[in-house]
Structures are given as structure tokens and as C-alpha cells.
């Protein structure tokens, strides 16, 4: 925060008034990064239906997990990273839900309920970032397989 305040030529107390604490600032930055990444991923989309949505979700996960500064943050500050990325109702979660919802709608999967979208977001985020913070590659294939099962079967089924 000290470096950012100096770069912006404001006092640290002013910076804290603007953004709250460091985690709040990180959440704003990561939410914006998520929104921009969803926009980029959706631009190259050609296939519709579940297959197209899964391809976009996979690309999103590959791009974000391959983003050097974000990955370095997750590796160096795993507790803070997971808290910001996984916070239910947080800014990053909201941006991810909006991105997933837009992705599903763009691929003709209208009417997917908010609960299913939240499950997709939490499942994807957990399988992407938890392995990274413990030094393993993200489990993107596993996440996509599970999301596919979720999207292939109506959310009203008895298994949910």
C-alpha cells in the first residue's frame, strides 16, 4: 500500500479511505481482471451449447491461471489469495458469476439458475487455485468434467 500511495502521490491514509484495506484493493483489481478476461475469452467463441460454454470456461481458467502476477500472488500469499478469490459474495465472486452467466447465455444456455452458476464458480475457482497454492498444476480438466456433468443434467434433478 505504501508503494501504491507513493506512485499515486497520495498519503496512505487517503489510499485506505479510497479502497479500505489491502484485501479490498486486491478484490477490486482481481474482479476487474476477471471481467476483462471473460470479455477477451468470449470474443473468440464460435461453438454454442454446453460444449462452447465449457470451451470458454476452460480458456478463462487457462488464461487466469497462466497470468504471471496473479499466479505469483497465489503462490506467495496463498491464504490471502484464497480468501479474496473464494469469498462468497465478494467482488471477485460477483465478477466470476457475471462472467459465467454471460458465457452460458451467449451459448444458448438460458435459464441456468443462480445456484448452479454459484456451484460452477466455486468448483472452478477451488480446482483452479487450490492446487496452485500447494505447488501443483491447476486441475482444469477435472473442473471442466465436473462442470459438464452439472450442466448436462438439469439443476432440478434429485442428485443436487
N, C-alpha and C. Protein backbone atom coordinates (compact mmCIF):
# COMPACT_ATOMS: atom_id res chain seq x y z
N UNK A 1 0.83 -1.18 0.00
CA UNK A 1 0.00 0.00 0.00
C UNK A 1 0.88 1.26 0.00
N UNK A 2 2.02 1.16 0.68
CA UNK A 2 2.94 2.30 0.73
C UNK A 2 3.43 2.65 -0.67
N UNK A 3 3.82 1.62 -1.44
CA UNK A 3 4.32 1.84 -2.79
C UNK A 3 3.24 2.42 -3.69
N UNK A 4 2.04 1.90 -3.58
CA UNK A 4 0.93 2.40 -4.39
C UNK A 4 0.61 3.84 -4.03
N UNK A 5 0.58 4.15 -2.75
CA UNK A 5 0.31 5.52 -2.32
C UNK A 5 1.38 6.47 -2.87
N UNK A 6 2.63 6.06 -2.80
CA UNK A 6 3.71 6.90 -3.33
C UNK A 6 3.58 7.08 -4.84
N UNK A 7 3.24 6.00 -5.55
CA UNK A 7 3.07 6.07 -7.00
C UNK A 7 1.94 7.02 -7.37
N UNK A 8 0.87 6.99 -6.60
CA UNK A 8 -0.29 7.85 -6.87
C UNK A 8 -0.11 9.25 -6.29
N UNK A 9 0.98 9.43 -5.55
CA UNK A 9 1.29 10.70 -4.90
C UNK A 9 0.18 11.13 -3.94
N UNK A 10 -0.27 10.18 -3.15
CA UNK A 10 -1.25 10.45 -2.10
C UNK A 10 -0.75 9.82 -0.81
N UNK A 11 -1.31 10.24 0.27
CA UNK A 11 -0.95 9.65 1.55
C UNK A 11 -1.57 8.27 1.71
N UNK A 12 -0.96 7.46 2.54
CA UNK A 12 -1.51 6.11 2.77
C UNK A 12 -2.90 6.19 3.38
N UNK A 13 -3.14 7.15 4.25
CA UNK A 13 -4.47 7.27 4.85
C UNK A 13 -5.51 7.59 3.78
N UNK A 14 -5.16 8.41 2.80
CA UNK A 14 -6.07 8.71 1.69
C UNK A 14 -6.35 7.44 0.89
N UNK A 15 -5.32 6.69 0.61
CA UNK A 15 -5.48 5.44 -0.14
C UNK A 15 -6.40 4.48 0.62
N UNK A 16 -6.21 4.36 1.92
CA UNK A 16 -7.06 3.48 2.72
C UNK A 16 -8.51 3.96 2.73
N UNK A 17 -8.72 5.28 2.75
CA UNK A 17 -10.08 5.82 2.67
C UNK A 17 -10.72 5.47 1.33
N UNK A 18 -9.93 5.50 0.27
CA UNK A 18 -10.44 5.21 -1.07
C UNK A 18 -10.83 3.74 -1.22
N UNK A 19 -9.98 2.85 -0.74
CA UNK A 19 -10.18 1.42 -1.05
C UNK A 19 -10.42 0.52 0.15
N UNK A 20 -10.30 1.03 1.35
CA UNK A 20 -10.41 0.15 2.51
C UNK A 20 -9.06 -0.46 2.81
N UNK A 21 -9.02 -1.76 2.97
CA UNK A 21 -7.75 -2.41 3.26
C UNK A 21 -7.14 -3.04 2.01
N UNK A 22 -6.01 -3.66 2.19
CA UNK A 22 -5.27 -4.26 1.08
C UNK A 22 -6.09 -5.34 0.37
N UNK A 23 -6.78 -6.17 1.14
CA UNK A 23 -7.59 -7.22 0.53
C UNK A 23 -8.74 -6.65 -0.29
N UNK A 24 -9.30 -5.54 0.15
CA UNK A 24 -10.37 -4.90 -0.62
C UNK A 24 -9.82 -4.39 -1.95
N UNK A 25 -8.63 -3.82 -1.91
CA UNK A 25 -8.00 -3.35 -3.15
C UNK A 25 -7.70 -4.52 -4.08
N UNK A 26 -7.16 -5.60 -3.53
CA UNK A 26 -6.88 -6.78 -4.34
C UNK A 26 -8.16 -7.34 -4.96
N UNK A 27 -9.24 -7.33 -4.20
CA UNK A 27 -10.52 -7.83 -4.72
C UNK A 27 -11.00 -6.98 -5.89
N UNK A 28 -10.86 -5.68 -5.80
CA UNK A 28 -11.26 -4.78 -6.90
C UNK A 28 -10.43 -5.09 -8.15
N UNK A 29 -9.14 -5.21 -7.96
CA UNK A 29 -8.23 -5.47 -9.09
C UNK A 29 -8.53 -6.83 -9.72
N UNK A 30 -8.70 -7.87 -8.90
CA UNK A 30 -8.95 -9.20 -9.43
C UNK A 30 -10.33 -9.32 -10.06
N UNK A 31 -11.31 -8.60 -9.53
CA UNK A 31 -12.65 -8.60 -10.14
C UNK A 31 -12.58 -7.95 -11.52
N UNK A 32 -11.85 -6.86 -11.64
CA UNK A 32 -11.71 -6.20 -12.94
C UNK A 32 -10.94 -7.08 -13.92
N UNK A 33 -9.89 -7.73 -13.44
CA UNK A 33 -9.14 -8.67 -14.28
C UNK A 33 -10.04 -9.80 -14.77
N UNK A 34 -10.88 -10.30 -13.88
CA UNK A 34 -11.82 -11.37 -14.26
C UNK A 34 -12.78 -10.89 -15.35
N UNK A 35 -13.34 -9.71 -15.16
CA UNK A 35 -14.29 -9.17 -16.14
C UNK A 35 -13.62 -8.97 -17.50
N UNK A 36 -12.42 -8.42 -17.49
CA UNK A 36 -11.69 -8.22 -18.76
C UNK A 36 -11.35 -9.55 -19.42
N UNK A 37 -10.97 -10.53 -18.63
CA UNK A 37 -10.62 -11.84 -19.19
C UNK A 37 -11.84 -12.52 -19.78
N UNK A 38 -12.99 -12.45 -19.10
CA UNK A 38 -14.22 -13.02 -19.67
C UNK A 38 -14.54 -12.37 -21.00
N UNK A 39 -14.37 -11.05 -21.09
CA UNK A 39 -14.64 -10.34 -22.33
C UNK A 39 -13.73 -10.85 -23.45
N UNK A 40 -12.46 -11.00 -23.17
CA UNK A 40 -11.49 -11.48 -24.16
C UNK A 40 -11.81 -12.90 -24.59
N UNK A 41 -12.09 -13.76 -23.62
CA UNK A 41 -12.38 -15.17 -23.91
C UNK A 41 -13.63 -15.30 -24.77
N UNK A 42 -14.63 -14.51 -24.48
CA UNK A 42 -15.90 -14.64 -25.20
C UNK A 42 -15.82 -14.13 -26.63
N UNK A 43 -14.86 -13.28 -26.92
CA UNK A 43 -14.73 -12.73 -28.28
C UNK A 43 -14.38 -13.79 -29.31
N UNK A 44 -13.64 -14.81 -28.95
CA UNK A 44 -13.22 -15.82 -29.90
C UNK A 44 -14.11 -17.04 -29.94
N UNK A 45 -15.26 -16.96 -29.32
CA UNK A 45 -16.14 -18.11 -29.18
C UNK A 45 -16.95 -18.35 -30.44
N UNK A 46 -17.00 -19.61 -30.88
CA UNK A 46 -17.74 -19.92 -32.10
C UNK A 46 -18.77 -21.02 -31.91
N UNK A 47 -18.53 -21.94 -31.00
CA UNK A 47 -19.40 -23.09 -30.80
C UNK A 47 -20.44 -22.76 -29.74
N UNK A 48 -21.67 -23.23 -29.95
CA UNK A 48 -22.73 -22.98 -28.97
C UNK A 48 -22.95 -24.15 -28.05
N UNK A 49 -23.94 -24.03 -27.18
CA UNK A 49 -24.32 -25.09 -26.28
C UNK A 49 -23.32 -25.33 -25.17
N UNK A 50 -23.49 -26.45 -24.50
CA UNK A 50 -22.62 -26.81 -23.37
C UNK A 50 -21.17 -26.90 -23.83
N UNK A 51 -20.94 -27.49 -24.99
CA UNK A 51 -19.57 -27.64 -25.49
C UNK A 51 -18.86 -26.30 -25.64
N UNK A 52 -19.55 -25.31 -26.21
CA UNK A 52 -18.97 -23.98 -26.37
C UNK A 52 -18.74 -23.29 -25.05
N UNK A 53 -19.70 -23.41 -24.13
CA UNK A 53 -19.55 -22.80 -22.81
C UNK A 53 -18.36 -23.40 -22.07
N UNK A 54 -18.23 -24.72 -22.13
CA UNK A 54 -17.11 -25.38 -21.46
C UNK A 54 -15.78 -24.95 -22.07
N UNK A 55 -15.74 -24.77 -23.37
CA UNK A 55 -14.51 -24.31 -24.03
C UNK A 55 -14.13 -22.92 -23.53
N UNK A 56 -15.11 -22.04 -23.39
CA UNK A 56 -14.83 -20.70 -22.87
C UNK A 56 -14.40 -20.73 -21.41
N UNK A 57 -15.06 -21.54 -20.61
CA UNK A 57 -14.69 -21.66 -19.19
C UNK A 57 -13.27 -22.21 -19.08
N UNK A 58 -12.94 -23.20 -19.90
CA UNK A 58 -11.58 -23.75 -19.90
C UNK A 58 -10.56 -22.66 -20.27
N UNK A 59 -10.86 -21.91 -21.34
CA UNK A 59 -9.94 -20.83 -21.76
C UNK A 59 -9.77 -19.80 -20.65
N UNK A 60 -10.87 -19.44 -20.00
CA UNK A 60 -10.80 -18.49 -18.89
C UNK A 60 -9.86 -19.01 -17.80
N UNK A 61 -10.03 -20.26 -17.43
CA UNK A 61 -9.21 -20.84 -16.38
C UNK A 61 -7.74 -20.93 -16.80
N UNK A 62 -7.48 -21.26 -18.06
CA UNK A 62 -6.11 -21.35 -18.55
C UNK A 62 -5.44 -19.97 -18.56
N UNK A 63 -6.19 -18.96 -19.04
CA UNK A 63 -5.62 -17.61 -19.10
C UNK A 63 -5.34 -17.08 -17.70
N UNK A 64 -6.31 -17.21 -16.80
CA UNK A 64 -6.11 -16.63 -15.47
C UNK A 64 -5.05 -17.38 -14.66
N UNK A 65 -5.03 -18.71 -14.77
CA UNK A 65 -4.01 -19.45 -14.02
C UNK A 65 -2.62 -19.28 -14.63
N UNK A 66 -2.56 -18.88 -15.89
CA UNK A 66 -1.28 -18.64 -16.54
C UNK A 66 -0.81 -17.19 -16.44
N UNK A 67 -1.63 -16.33 -15.84
CA UNK A 67 -1.27 -14.92 -15.68
C UNK A 67 -0.21 -14.79 -14.60
N UNK A 68 1.00 -14.44 -15.00
CA UNK A 68 2.16 -14.43 -14.10
C UNK A 68 1.95 -13.73 -12.77
N UNK A 69 1.55 -12.45 -12.78
CA UNK A 69 1.40 -11.75 -11.50
C UNK A 69 0.33 -12.37 -10.59
N UNK A 70 -0.77 -12.83 -11.18
CA UNK A 70 -1.82 -13.45 -10.38
C UNK A 70 -1.35 -14.78 -9.79
N UNK A 71 -0.68 -15.55 -10.61
CA UNK A 71 -0.16 -16.84 -10.13
C UNK A 71 0.89 -16.64 -9.04
N UNK A 72 1.76 -15.66 -9.24
CA UNK A 72 2.79 -15.37 -8.25
C UNK A 72 2.15 -14.93 -6.93
N UNK A 73 1.12 -14.10 -7.01
CA UNK A 73 0.38 -13.69 -5.81
C UNK A 73 -0.17 -14.91 -5.08
N UNK A 74 -0.80 -15.83 -5.81
CA UNK A 74 -1.39 -17.02 -5.20
C UNK A 74 -0.32 -17.91 -4.57
N UNK A 75 0.83 -18.00 -5.20
CA UNK A 75 1.90 -18.84 -4.66
C UNK A 75 2.57 -18.21 -3.44
N UNK A 76 2.72 -16.89 -3.46
CA UNK A 76 3.44 -16.21 -2.38
C UNK A 76 2.55 -15.86 -1.18
N UNK A 77 1.26 -15.65 -1.44
CA UNK A 77 0.33 -15.29 -0.36
C UNK A 77 -0.93 -16.16 -0.46
N UNK A 78 -0.76 -17.47 -0.27
CA UNK A 78 -1.88 -18.38 -0.51
C UNK A 78 -3.13 -18.11 0.33
N UNK A 79 -2.96 -17.77 1.58
CA UNK A 79 -4.13 -17.54 2.43
C UNK A 79 -4.92 -16.32 1.96
N UNK A 80 -4.23 -15.24 1.70
CA UNK A 80 -4.89 -14.02 1.23
C UNK A 80 -5.52 -14.27 -0.15
N UNK A 81 -4.78 -14.92 -1.02
CA UNK A 81 -5.28 -15.18 -2.37
C UNK A 81 -6.57 -16.00 -2.33
N UNK A 82 -6.56 -17.08 -1.57
CA UNK A 82 -7.77 -17.91 -1.50
C UNK A 82 -8.93 -17.17 -0.84
N UNK A 83 -8.62 -16.37 0.16
CA UNK A 83 -9.69 -15.61 0.83
C UNK A 83 -10.32 -14.62 -0.16
N UNK A 84 -9.51 -13.93 -0.94
CA UNK A 84 -10.03 -12.95 -1.90
C UNK A 84 -10.73 -13.66 -3.06
N UNK A 85 -10.15 -14.73 -3.57
CA UNK A 85 -10.71 -15.42 -4.73
C UNK A 85 -11.97 -16.21 -4.39
N UNK A 86 -12.05 -16.75 -3.18
CA UNK A 86 -13.14 -17.66 -2.83
C UNK A 86 -14.24 -17.02 -2.00
N UNK A 87 -14.08 -15.78 -1.59
CA UNK A 87 -15.05 -15.15 -0.70
C UNK A 87 -16.44 -15.15 -1.32
N UNK A 88 -17.35 -15.86 -0.67
CA UNK A 88 -18.73 -15.91 -1.14
C UNK A 88 -19.33 -14.52 -1.02
N UNK A 89 -19.87 -14.04 -2.12
CA UNK A 89 -20.45 -12.71 -2.12
C UNK A 89 -19.44 -11.59 -2.29
N UNK A 90 -18.16 -11.94 -2.44
CA UNK A 90 -17.12 -10.93 -2.63
C UNK A 90 -17.11 -10.40 -4.06
N UNK A 91 -16.28 -9.41 -4.29
CA UNK A 91 -16.22 -8.77 -5.61
C UNK A 91 -15.73 -9.72 -6.69
N UNK A 92 -14.74 -10.54 -6.37
CA UNK A 92 -14.24 -11.49 -7.36
C UNK A 92 -15.32 -12.52 -7.67
N UNK A 93 -15.97 -13.02 -6.64
CA UNK A 93 -17.05 -13.99 -6.83
C UNK A 93 -18.15 -13.39 -7.71
N UNK A 94 -18.50 -12.15 -7.46
CA UNK A 94 -19.55 -11.49 -8.26
C UNK A 94 -19.12 -11.36 -9.72
N UNK A 95 -17.87 -10.99 -9.95
CA UNK A 95 -17.37 -10.87 -11.32
C UNK A 95 -17.35 -12.24 -12.02
N UNK A 96 -16.97 -13.26 -11.28
CA UNK A 96 -16.95 -14.61 -11.85
C UNK A 96 -18.36 -15.10 -12.16
N UNK A 97 -19.30 -14.84 -11.26
CA UNK A 97 -20.70 -15.23 -11.51
C UNK A 97 -21.24 -14.51 -12.73
N UNK A 98 -20.95 -13.23 -12.84
CA UNK A 98 -21.41 -12.46 -14.01
C UNK A 98 -20.79 -13.01 -15.29
N UNK A 99 -19.51 -13.35 -15.25
CA UNK A 99 -18.84 -13.90 -16.41
C UNK A 99 -19.40 -15.25 -16.81
N UNK A 100 -19.61 -16.13 -15.84
CA UNK A 100 -20.17 -17.45 -16.13
C UNK A 100 -21.58 -17.32 -16.67
N UNK A 101 -22.38 -16.46 -16.06
CA UNK A 101 -23.76 -16.25 -16.52
C UNK A 101 -23.78 -15.75 -17.96
N UNK A 102 -22.94 -14.77 -18.27
CA UNK A 102 -22.87 -14.23 -19.64
C UNK A 102 -22.39 -15.30 -20.61
N UNK A 103 -21.44 -16.10 -20.19
CA UNK A 103 -20.92 -17.19 -21.03
C UNK A 103 -22.02 -18.20 -21.34
N UNK A 104 -22.72 -18.63 -20.32
CA UNK A 104 -23.79 -19.61 -20.53
C UNK A 104 -24.89 -19.05 -21.43
N UNK A 105 -25.27 -17.81 -21.19
CA UNK A 105 -26.30 -17.17 -22.01
C UNK A 105 -25.84 -17.02 -23.45
N UNK A 106 -24.59 -16.63 -23.66
CA UNK A 106 -24.06 -16.47 -25.01
C UNK A 106 -24.06 -17.78 -25.79
N UNK A 107 -24.01 -18.88 -25.07
CA UNK A 107 -24.00 -20.19 -25.72
C UNK A 107 -25.38 -20.84 -25.72
N UNK A 108 -26.40 -20.02 -25.47
CA UNK A 108 -27.77 -20.51 -25.56
C UNK A 108 -28.25 -21.30 -24.37
N UNK A 109 -27.51 -21.26 -23.27
CA UNK A 109 -27.90 -21.98 -22.06
C UNK A 109 -28.64 -21.02 -21.14
N UNK A 110 -29.78 -20.58 -21.58
CA UNK A 110 -30.59 -19.63 -20.82
C UNK A 110 -31.30 -20.36 -19.68
N UNK A 111 -31.58 -19.64 -18.64
CA UNK A 111 -32.36 -20.22 -17.56
C UNK A 111 -31.57 -21.05 -16.57
N UNK A 112 -30.25 -21.02 -16.63
CA UNK A 112 -29.46 -21.72 -15.61
C UNK A 112 -29.60 -20.92 -14.32
N UNK A 113 -30.04 -21.57 -13.27
CA UNK A 113 -30.33 -20.86 -12.03
C UNK A 113 -29.06 -20.36 -11.34
N UNK A 114 -29.25 -19.36 -10.49
CA UNK A 114 -28.12 -18.73 -9.79
C UNK A 114 -27.35 -19.72 -8.91
N UNK A 115 -28.03 -20.67 -8.35
CA UNK A 115 -27.38 -21.68 -7.51
C UNK A 115 -26.39 -22.51 -8.33
N UNK A 116 -26.80 -22.90 -9.53
CA UNK A 116 -25.91 -23.67 -10.40
C UNK A 116 -24.71 -22.83 -10.82
N UNK A 117 -24.94 -21.57 -11.15
CA UNK A 117 -23.83 -20.67 -11.50
C UNK A 117 -22.86 -20.57 -10.34
N UNK A 118 -23.37 -20.42 -9.12
CA UNK A 118 -22.50 -20.32 -7.95
C UNK A 118 -21.69 -21.60 -7.76
N UNK A 119 -22.30 -22.74 -8.00
CA UNK A 119 -21.57 -24.02 -7.89
C UNK A 119 -20.46 -24.07 -8.94
N UNK A 120 -20.76 -23.66 -10.17
CA UNK A 120 -19.74 -23.64 -11.23
C UNK A 120 -18.57 -22.75 -10.81
N UNK A 121 -18.88 -21.56 -10.28
CA UNK A 121 -17.84 -20.62 -9.88
C UNK A 121 -16.99 -21.19 -8.74
N UNK A 122 -17.64 -21.68 -7.70
CA UNK A 122 -16.89 -22.19 -6.55
C UNK A 122 -16.06 -23.42 -6.92
N UNK A 123 -16.65 -24.31 -7.69
CA UNK A 123 -15.96 -25.52 -8.11
C UNK A 123 -14.75 -25.16 -8.98
N UNK A 124 -14.97 -24.30 -9.97
CA UNK A 124 -13.88 -23.90 -10.85
C UNK A 124 -12.77 -23.19 -10.12
N UNK A 125 -13.14 -22.26 -9.25
CA UNK A 125 -12.14 -21.49 -8.50
C UNK A 125 -11.33 -22.40 -7.58
N UNK A 126 -12.02 -23.29 -6.88
CA UNK A 126 -11.33 -24.19 -5.96
C UNK A 126 -10.37 -25.13 -6.69
N UNK A 127 -10.82 -25.71 -7.80
CA UNK A 127 -9.96 -26.66 -8.52
C UNK A 127 -8.88 -25.98 -9.33
N UNK A 128 -9.04 -24.70 -9.57
CA UNK A 128 -8.01 -23.95 -10.28
C UNK A 128 -6.93 -23.46 -9.30
N UNK A 129 -7.34 -22.83 -8.21
CA UNK A 129 -6.37 -22.12 -7.37
C UNK A 129 -5.84 -22.92 -6.19
N UNK A 130 -6.60 -23.83 -5.63
CA UNK A 130 -6.08 -24.61 -4.50
C UNK A 130 -4.85 -25.41 -4.89
N UNK A 131 -4.86 -26.13 -6.02
CA UNK A 131 -3.62 -26.82 -6.41
C UNK A 131 -2.44 -25.87 -6.60
N UNK A 132 -2.69 -24.70 -7.17
CA UNK A 132 -1.60 -23.74 -7.40
C UNK A 132 -0.95 -23.33 -6.09
N UNK A 133 -1.76 -23.05 -5.06
CA UNK A 133 -1.18 -22.58 -3.81
C UNK A 133 -0.40 -23.67 -3.08
N UNK A 134 -0.64 -24.94 -3.43
CA UNK A 134 0.15 -26.01 -2.81
C UNK A 134 1.24 -26.54 -3.75
N UNK A 135 1.49 -25.80 -4.83
CA UNK A 135 2.60 -26.13 -5.71
C UNK A 135 2.30 -27.14 -6.79
N UNK A 136 1.04 -27.36 -7.09
CA UNK A 136 0.67 -28.31 -8.14
C UNK A 136 -0.01 -27.57 -9.28
N UNK A 137 -0.11 -28.21 -10.44
CA UNK A 137 -0.81 -27.56 -11.55
C UNK A 137 -2.31 -27.48 -11.29
N UNK A 138 -2.97 -26.46 -11.85
CA UNK A 138 -4.41 -26.36 -11.64
C UNK A 138 -5.13 -27.57 -12.24
N UNK A 139 -6.21 -27.99 -11.60
CA UNK A 139 -6.98 -29.16 -12.03
C UNK A 139 -8.10 -28.74 -12.98
N UNK A 140 -7.72 -28.10 -14.08
CA UNK A 140 -8.69 -27.56 -15.02
C UNK A 140 -9.51 -28.67 -15.68
N UNK A 141 -8.86 -29.73 -16.12
CA UNK A 141 -9.60 -30.82 -16.76
C UNK A 141 -10.65 -31.40 -15.81
N UNK A 142 -10.27 -31.59 -14.58
CA UNK A 142 -11.21 -32.13 -13.58
C UNK A 142 -12.38 -31.17 -13.38
N UNK A 143 -12.08 -29.88 -13.29
CA UNK A 143 -13.14 -28.88 -13.11
C UNK A 143 -14.10 -28.91 -14.29
N UNK A 144 -13.57 -28.97 -15.49
CA UNK A 144 -14.41 -28.96 -16.69
C UNK A 144 -15.29 -30.21 -16.73
N UNK A 145 -14.73 -31.36 -16.37
CA UNK A 145 -15.51 -32.60 -16.35
C UNK A 145 -16.68 -32.48 -15.37
N UNK A 146 -16.41 -31.97 -14.18
CA UNK A 146 -17.46 -31.82 -13.17
C UNK A 146 -18.50 -30.78 -13.60
N UNK A 147 -18.05 -29.69 -14.17
CA UNK A 147 -18.98 -28.65 -14.65
C UNK A 147 -19.84 -29.21 -15.77
N UNK A 148 -19.25 -30.00 -16.63
CA UNK A 148 -20.02 -30.62 -17.72
C UNK A 148 -21.15 -31.48 -17.16
N UNK A 149 -20.85 -32.28 -16.16
CA UNK A 149 -21.89 -33.12 -15.53
C UNK A 149 -22.99 -32.25 -14.94
N UNK A 150 -22.59 -31.16 -14.35
CA UNK A 150 -23.56 -30.25 -13.75
C UNK A 150 -24.46 -29.61 -14.81
N UNK A 151 -23.87 -29.21 -15.93
CA UNK A 151 -24.63 -28.52 -16.98
C UNK A 151 -25.42 -29.50 -17.86
N UNK A 152 -24.92 -30.71 -18.00
CA UNK A 152 -25.62 -31.70 -18.82
C UNK A 152 -26.90 -32.19 -18.17
N UNK A 153 -26.93 -32.17 -16.85
CA UNK A 153 -28.10 -32.67 -16.13
C UNK A 153 -28.86 -31.47 -15.55
N UNK A 154 -30.15 -31.42 -15.72
CA UNK A 154 -30.92 -30.27 -15.21
C UNK A 154 -30.70 -30.07 -13.71
N UNK A 155 -30.66 -28.82 -13.32
CA UNK A 155 -30.42 -28.47 -11.91
C UNK A 155 -31.55 -28.93 -11.00
N UNK A 156 -32.66 -29.33 -11.58
CA UNK A 156 -33.79 -29.78 -10.76
C UNK A 156 -33.72 -31.26 -10.42
N UNK A 157 -32.64 -31.93 -10.88
CA UNK A 157 -32.56 -33.38 -10.64
C UNK A 157 -32.38 -33.67 -9.15
N UNK A 158 -32.67 -34.89 -8.79
CA UNK A 158 -32.60 -35.27 -7.37
C UNK A 158 -31.18 -35.37 -6.87
N UNK A 159 -30.17 -35.42 -7.74
CA UNK A 159 -28.79 -35.55 -7.27
C UNK A 159 -28.27 -34.25 -6.66
N UNK A 160 -28.89 -33.14 -6.97
CA UNK A 160 -28.47 -31.87 -6.38
C UNK A 160 -29.24 -31.66 -5.10
